Amino acid sequence: MASPKDLSAIDLHSEDVGDYNVTEPGWYAVNDAGKVVLGPFTSLAECERAMRDRKRMTGA
């Protein structure tokens, strides 16, 4: 089971930005509640790096 601090990467397209309350498409890190935490990023790799960096900095 995922802990509340776990993040997932999602690729949001133009038609989905309103659902996540963001203004542009791209890769985003979302928490388990579906709230955008980081982004947008141009690639999955960039998003995953940011999630690892955030986890390392917060000690999660």
Protein backbone atom coordinates (compact mmCIF):
# COMPACT_ATOMS: atom_id res chain seq x y z
CA MET A 1 0.00 0.00 0.00
CA ALA A 2 1.32 3.48 -0.87
CA SER A 3 2.09 5.88 1.93
CA PRO A 4 0.50 9.36 1.79
CA LYS A 5 3.84 10.86 0.80
CA ASP A 6 4.17 8.74 -2.35
CA LEU A 7 4.03 10.55 -5.66
CA SER A 8 3.10 9.29 -9.10
CA ALA A 9 3.97 10.72 -12.49
CA ILE A 10 1.14 11.45 -14.90
CA ASP A 11 1.13 12.82 -18.43
CA LEU A 12 -1.60 15.46 -18.71
CA HIS A 13 -2.89 16.42 -22.13
CA SER A 14 -4.62 19.67 -23.07
CA GLU A 15 -8.09 18.28 -22.48
CA ASP A 16 -7.15 17.15 -18.94
CA VAL A 17 -5.52 20.27 -17.50
CA GLY A 18 -8.77 21.60 -16.01
CA ASP A 19 -9.34 18.36 -14.13
CA TYR A 20 -6.09 18.88 -12.24
CA ASN A 21 -6.28 22.66 -11.88
CA VAL A 22 -3.15 23.32 -13.97
CA THR A 23 -2.73 25.63 -16.94
CA GLU A 24 -0.61 23.63 -19.37
CA PRO A 25 -0.08 20.04 -20.50
CA GLY A 26 3.00 18.07 -19.50
CA TRP A 27 4.28 15.59 -16.97
CA TYR A 28 3.27 16.21 -13.36
CA ALA A 29 3.89 14.56 -10.01
CA VAL A 30 0.67 14.00 -8.09
CA ASN A 31 0.13 12.73 -4.57
CA ASP A 32 -2.18 9.85 -3.69
CA ALA A 33 -5.10 12.30 -3.32
CA GLY A 34 -4.65 13.38 -6.96
CA LYS A 35 -3.26 16.82 -6.10
CA VAL A 36 -0.49 18.14 -8.35
CA VAL A 37 2.68 18.62 -6.32
CA LEU A 38 5.37 19.21 -8.98
CA GLY A 39 5.44 20.17 -12.63
CA PRO A 40 5.04 20.63 -15.45
CA PHE A 41 7.96 18.74 -16.91
CA THR A 42 8.73 17.99 -20.55
CA SER A 43 9.54 14.31 -19.99
CA LEU A 44 8.85 11.42 -17.65
CA ALA A 45 12.56 11.24 -16.80
CA GLU A 46 12.61 14.89 -15.73
CA CYS A 47 9.50 14.38 -13.59
CA GLU A 48 10.93 11.26 -11.94
CA ARG A 49 14.20 13.10 -11.15
CA ALA A 50 12.23 15.89 -9.47
CA MET A 51 10.25 13.36 -7.43
CA ARG A 52 13.47 11.63 -6.29
CA ASP A 53 15.04 14.99 -5.40
CA ARG A 54 11.96 16.04 -3.43
CA LYS A 55 11.91 12.73 -1.56
CA ARG A 56 15.61 13.07 -0.73
CA MET A 57 15.18 16.68 0.47
CA THR A 58 12.11 15.97 2.62
CA GLY A 59 13.43 12.71 4.00
CA ALA A 60 10.24 10.93 3.00
